[in-house]
Structure formats: structure tokens, C-alpha cells
Amino acid sequence: MAQNQVLSGDKFLDTWNRIQKPVLTVLSIVIIVLAGWFGYKKFVTEPKETNANNALAAVQAAFQQAIFSPTVDTATYKFVLNGEGVNKGALSIIRSYSGTNAANLAKYYAGESYLRLGDYNNAVKYLSDFSTDQKQIQMMAYGSLGDAYSELKKNAEAIDYYKKAAAQFEDDEVNASEFLYRAALLSEVSGKTQDAVTLYKELKDKFPNSQYSIQADKYLNRLQVQPNE
């Protein structure tokens, strides 16, 4: 028994001597990679995100001011895009802090600002490149894409984005019903009568208490379709 144990121990040592170098090499590589990743995150990624968020604060404040203005606040939307003095604008944040959450959100502010300034191609460019898990913000981005495409007379794309917006966050009945209404109305204007009828009925079914449900009744009657058909 003792001799067998000695032989087993010798076999283990022989095996270890053969594999210890590659095993230790792999372990060293793993340690180096992990250390590099943690170091990059701590000394590069996190400071970059912090700086981007700090820069975005002025953009967010200006955008909030502009959207509550009774008229299109051209100067403020231009500030949102380009900044001024020490304050970076959304476009600079997108370039300087690529890959950060703040840069992604800056695309939303840029797209919305271009939309209100009448630059619909740039509105599409930036809003199309924006995405978020926050459903209400994503809904508004889709809706604005619908508006931009509508202004560009690309009705098919506009209808698709209005429908996406309406489906994105139905809990927001006010905005979701409006986007579905826009999809229905634009379908009708585009000569897609049956699609319009389907969308008007969907509007009445999903959002019966919205102001647009009453409008849907009117348009369904005009299309000689009974509302409850």
C-alpha cells in the first residue's frame, strides 16, 4: 500500500512538472487581463463617463428650458447642439466621449434639437443612432423619428416609427394614443385606407378614454366604416 502511494505521488509530481509551465502561463495571462480590465475601468472608463455626465448637465438644462418655451427657442437649441464657451454642446460630447451613456443620450438631445430647428435629415441621423432601455424616452425618440420622416415626405417610414412609438410604452396613454393617431391619419393621407381603418380601431380599442378615440370615430365614419364593426 505504501509503495503504491509513493508511486502515485511520483506520478503526480511527474505530471505537474510537465504541465506547470503552461498552467502558470495561462494563470498569469488571466491575472494580467483582469488587472488590465479593472485598471482601464477605474482609470479610463469611469473618469470618462463622469466627465461626459458633467458636460451633459448644461445640455440637459438648456434642452429642458427650450422645450417648455412657448415658441421655438432657436438660440437655445443651437446651444444644445454646439455649446458655448466652456460648455460643450451635444455634438462635442458625442465626439469626445464616444461609447459613454452620456454620449448616447446626447444623440437624443441632438436629434430632438435638429427636429425643432427644421433640419430633418440630421434629426433622423442622430435619433436613429440613439437607443435606451427607458421606454418612455425611447417612445419619444421613435415618435420624433416619425415626425422627421413625415416632414421629409417619407410616409412609410414615418408610419412605421409612429407605430413603434405607440407600442413602446402604452402606459403613457396620452403620448401613445397620439402616435397611433398620427400613424392612422398618415396612412389615410397616403391612400392606405384599410391600414388606416385598422389603426383607428386599434386606437379605440387600446385607448378608449383618450381624446384621439373620439377623433377615430369621426374618421371611421368618414371612411364609411362603423366604429363597432
Protein backbone atom coordinates (compact mmCIF):
# COMPACT_ATOMS: atom_id res chain seq x y z
CA MET A 1 0.00 0.00 0.00
CA ALA A 2 2.76 2.44 0.98
CA GLN A 3 4.68 1.65 -2.18
CA ASN A 4 1.59 2.31 -4.28
CA GLN A 5 1.12 5.66 -2.56
CA VAL A 6 4.75 6.57 -3.30
CA LEU A 7 4.26 5.63 -6.94
CA SER A 8 1.08 7.70 -7.13
CA GLY A 9 2.90 10.66 -5.62
CA ASP A 10 5.75 10.31 -8.07
CA LYS A 11 3.28 10.13 -10.97
CA PHE A 12 1.56 13.29 -9.78
CA LEU A 13 4.89 15.13 -9.49
CA ASP A 14 5.90 14.00 -12.97
CA THR A 15 2.58 15.20 -14.38
CA TRP A 16 2.81 18.51 -12.56
CA ASN A 17 6.37 19.08 -13.77
CA ARG A 18 5.15 18.62 -17.33
CA ILE A 19 2.15 20.94 -17.13
CA GLN A 20 3.15 23.52 -14.54
CA LYS A 21 4.72 25.91 -17.05
CA PRO A 22 1.68 26.18 -19.40
CA VAL A 23 -0.71 26.25 -16.42
CA LEU A 24 1.20 29.05 -14.73
CA THR A 25 1.46 30.90 -18.04
CA VAL A 26 -2.32 30.76 -18.55
CA LEU A 27 -2.94 31.87 -14.97
CA SER A 28 -0.52 34.77 -15.41
CA ILE A 29 -2.29 35.86 -18.61
CA VAL A 30 -5.69 35.71 -16.88
CA ILE A 31 -4.39 37.79 -13.96
CA ILE A 32 -2.83 40.35 -16.31
CA VAL A 33 -6.02 40.62 -18.38
CA LEU A 34 -8.22 41.04 -15.30
CA ALA A 35 -5.87 43.60 -13.79
CA GLY A 36 -5.82 45.48 -17.09
CA TRP A 37 -9.61 45.43 -17.35
CA PHE A 38 -10.11 46.69 -13.80
CA GLY A 39 -7.42 49.32 -14.30
CA TYR A 40 -8.94 50.50 -17.58
CA LYS A 41 -12.38 50.69 -16.00
CA LYS A 42 -11.16 52.59 -12.93
CA PHE A 43 -8.72 54.98 -14.58
CA VAL A 44 -10.20 55.41 -18.07
CA THR A 45 -13.85 54.37 -18.40
CA GLU A 46 -15.21 55.71 -15.12
CA PRO A 47 -13.50 59.13 -15.33
CA LYS A 48 -14.62 59.42 -18.98
CA GLU A 49 -18.22 58.70 -18.00
CA THR A 50 -18.03 61.18 -15.13
CA ASN A 51 -16.62 63.92 -17.36
CA ALA A 52 -19.25 63.19 -20.00
CA ASN A 53 -22.06 63.42 -17.46
CA ASN A 54 -20.71 66.70 -16.15
CA ALA A 55 -20.57 68.11 -19.67
CA LEU A 56 -24.07 66.86 -20.44
CA ALA A 57 -25.62 68.67 -17.47
CA ALA A 58 -25.61 72.05 -19.25
CA VAL A 59 -27.07 70.46 -22.39
CA GLN A 60 -29.88 68.85 -20.42
CA ALA A 61 -30.72 72.08 -18.61
CA ALA A 62 -30.81 74.06 -21.85
CA PHE A 63 -32.94 71.46 -23.60
CA GLN A 64 -35.49 71.45 -20.78
CA GLN A 65 -35.65 75.23 -20.97
CA ALA A 66 -36.18 75.14 -24.74
CA ILE A 67 -38.95 72.54 -24.87
CA PHE A 68 -41.04 74.49 -22.36
CA SER A 69 -40.67 77.70 -24.33
CA PRO A 70 -43.96 78.87 -25.91
CA THR A 71 -42.13 79.35 -29.22
CA VAL A 72 -39.26 77.54 -30.91
CA ASP A 73 -36.25 78.78 -28.95
CA THR A 74 -33.77 78.69 -31.84
CA ALA A 75 -30.85 80.12 -29.86
CA THR A 76 -31.20 77.60 -27.05
CA TYR A 77 -31.50 74.63 -29.40
CA LYS A 78 -28.33 75.81 -31.12
CA PHE A 79 -26.67 75.98 -27.71
CA VAL A 80 -27.80 72.39 -27.04
CA LEU A 81 -26.09 71.35 -30.27
CA ASN A 82 -22.92 73.42 -30.19
CA GLY A 83 -22.46 74.70 -26.65
CA GLU A 84 -20.77 77.98 -25.93
CA GLY A 85 -17.59 78.98 -24.16
CA VAL A 86 -16.64 76.38 -21.55
CA ASN A 87 -19.88 74.45 -22.07
CA LYS A 88 -19.74 71.61 -24.57
CA GLY A 89 -22.72 71.00 -26.81
CA ALA A 90 -24.28 67.65 -27.61
CA LEU A 91 -22.27 67.26 -30.83
CA SER A 92 -18.97 67.77 -28.99
CA ILE A 93 -19.99 65.30 -26.26
CA ILE A 94 -20.82 62.69 -28.90
CA ARG A 95 -17.38 63.12 -30.47
CA SER A 96 -15.34 63.45 -27.28
CA TYR A 97 -16.99 60.79 -25.14
CA SER A 98 -17.93 58.10 -27.64
CA GLY A 99 -19.13 54.89 -26.00
CA THR A 100 -20.43 56.52 -22.82
CA ASN A 101 -24.05 56.60 -21.71
CA ALA A 102 -23.87 60.39 -21.76
CA ALA A 103 -22.78 60.42 -25.42
CA ASN A 104 -25.68 58.14 -26.27
CA LEU A 105 -28.13 60.47 -24.53
CA ALA A 106 -26.52 63.43 -26.27
CA LYS A 107 -27.63 61.86 -29.57
CA TYR A 108 -31.21 62.12 -28.38
CA TYR A 109 -30.84 65.80 -27.48
CA ALA A 110 -29.10 66.48 -30.78
CA GLY A 111 -31.79 64.72 -32.81
CA GLU A 112 -34.62 66.45 -30.98
CA SER A 113 -32.94 69.84 -31.39
CA TYR A 114 -32.38 69.34 -35.12
CA LEU A 115 -36.04 68.35 -35.48
CA ARG A 116 -37.19 71.59 -33.88
CA LEU A 117 -34.75 73.60 -35.98
CA GLY A 118 -36.16 72.05 -39.16
CA ASP A 119 -33.05 70.03 -40.07
CA TYR A 120 -34.89 66.77 -40.56
CA ASN A 121 -32.07 64.76 -42.10
CA ASN A 122 -29.82 65.37 -39.12
CA ALA A 123 -32.75 64.67 -36.80
CA VAL A 124 -33.07 61.23 -38.42
CA LYS A 125 -29.31 60.70 -38.27
CA TYR A 126 -28.97 61.23 -34.54
CA LEU A 127 -32.28 59.81 -33.36
CA SER A 128 -31.71 56.64 -35.39
CA ASP A 129 -28.38 56.15 -33.64
CA PHE A 130 -29.89 56.56 -30.18
CA SER A 131 -31.31 53.75 -28.07
CA THR A 132 -32.24 53.31 -24.43
CA ASP A 133 -33.90 50.84 -22.08
CA GLN A 134 -36.01 53.69 -20.68
CA LYS A 135 -39.24 53.02 -22.52
CA GLN A 136 -40.76 56.48 -22.27
CA ILE A 137 -37.68 58.20 -23.70
CA GLN A 138 -37.39 55.59 -26.45
CA MET A 139 -41.05 56.15 -27.28
CA MET A 140 -40.46 59.87 -27.71
CA ALA A 141 -37.41 59.21 -29.90
CA TYR A 142 -39.44 56.91 -32.15
CA GLY A 143 -42.22 59.48 -32.31
CA SER A 144 -39.78 62.22 -33.27
CA LEU A 145 -38.35 59.97 -35.97
CA GLY A 146 -41.89 59.64 -37.26
CA ASP A 147 -42.21 63.44 -37.32
CA ALA A 148 -38.87 63.86 -39.13
CA TYR A 149 -39.69 61.26 -41.77
CA SER A 150 -43.13 62.79 -42.21
CA GLU A 151 -41.56 66.19 -42.87
CA LEU A 152 -39.24 64.52 -45.39
CA LYS A 153 -42.34 63.08 -47.13
CA LYS A 154 -41.19 59.55 -46.36
CA ASN A 155 -44.59 58.45 -45.18
CA ALA A 156 -43.96 54.71 -44.98
CA GLU A 157 -41.02 55.23 -42.63
CA ALA A 158 -42.98 57.81 -40.64
CA ILE A 159 -45.91 55.43 -40.16
CA ASP A 160 -43.60 52.63 -39.03
CA TYR A 161 -41.98 54.83 -36.38
CA TYR A 162 -45.29 56.21 -35.15
CA LYS A 163 -46.49 52.63 -34.68
CA LYS A 164 -43.25 51.73 -32.88
CA ALA A 165 -43.67 54.74 -30.62
CA ALA A 166 -47.26 53.82 -29.77
CA ALA A 167 -46.30 50.23 -28.94
CA GLN A 168 -43.17 51.11 -26.96
CA PHE A 169 -44.83 52.41 -23.80
CA GLU A 170 -48.60 52.07 -23.79
CA ASP A 171 -48.76 53.06 -20.11
CA ASP A 172 -48.26 56.63 -21.29
CA GLU A 173 -51.74 56.79 -22.76
CA VAL A 174 -51.54 60.45 -23.77
CA ASN A 175 -48.48 60.13 -26.00
CA ALA A 176 -49.03 56.54 -27.13
CA SER A 177 -52.55 57.32 -28.34
CA GLU A 178 -51.32 60.42 -30.17
CA PHE A 179 -48.63 58.48 -32.03
CA LEU A 180 -51.10 55.78 -33.01
CA TYR A 181 -53.46 58.51 -34.22
CA ARG A 182 -50.68 60.04 -36.31
CA ALA A 183 -49.95 56.63 -37.84
CA ALA A 184 -53.62 56.17 -38.71
CA LEU A 185 -54.05 59.67 -40.12
CA LEU A 186 -50.88 59.47 -42.22
CA SER A 187 -51.93 56.05 -43.50
CA GLU A 188 -55.23 57.57 -44.63
CA VAL A 189 -53.47 60.52 -46.28
CA SER A 190 -51.16 58.07 -48.05
CA GLY A 191 -54.13 56.26 -49.56
CA LYS A 192 -53.77 53.19 -47.33
CA THR A 193 -57.41 53.23 -46.29
CA GLN A 194 -57.63 49.73 -44.86
CA ASP A 195 -54.46 50.25 -42.83
CA ALA A 196 -55.94 53.48 -41.52
CA VAL A 197 -59.17 51.73 -40.54
CA THR A 198 -57.21 49.04 -38.69
CA LEU A 199 -55.18 51.65 -36.81
CA TYR A 200 -58.22 53.77 -35.90
CA LYS A 201 -59.90 50.66 -34.49
CA GLU A 202 -56.74 49.75 -32.58
CA LEU A 203 -56.70 53.27 -31.17
CA LYS A 204 -60.29 52.97 -29.95
CA ASP A 205 -59.62 49.52 -28.50
CA LYS A 206 -56.40 50.34 -26.64
CA PHE A 207 -57.07 53.92 -25.62
CA PRO A 208 -60.87 54.33 -25.39
CA ASN A 209 -60.59 57.23 -22.93
CA SER A 210 -58.14 59.30 -24.93
CA GLN A 211 -59.14 62.41 -26.86
CA TYR A 212 -57.95 60.69 -30.03
CA SER A 213 -60.51 57.90 -29.62
CA ILE A 214 -63.25 60.45 -30.35
CA GLN A 215 -61.33 61.60 -33.42
CA ALA A 216 -61.04 57.97 -34.54
CA ASP A 217 -64.85 57.68 -34.51
CA LYS A 218 -65.11 60.69 -36.80
CA TYR A 219 -62.58 59.35 -39.28
CA LEU A 220 -64.06 55.85 -39.27
CA ASN A 221 -67.47 57.33 -40.07
CA ARG A 222 -65.96 59.40 -42.83
CA LEU A 223 -64.47 56.23 -44.28
CA GLN A 224 -67.97 54.71 -44.14
CA VAL A 225 -66.93 52.15 -41.55
CA GLN A 226 -69.00 51.58 -38.44
CA PRO A 227 -66.92 52.25 -35.30
CA ASN A 228 -68.01 48.99 -33.70
CA GLU A 229 -67.68 46.83 -36.79
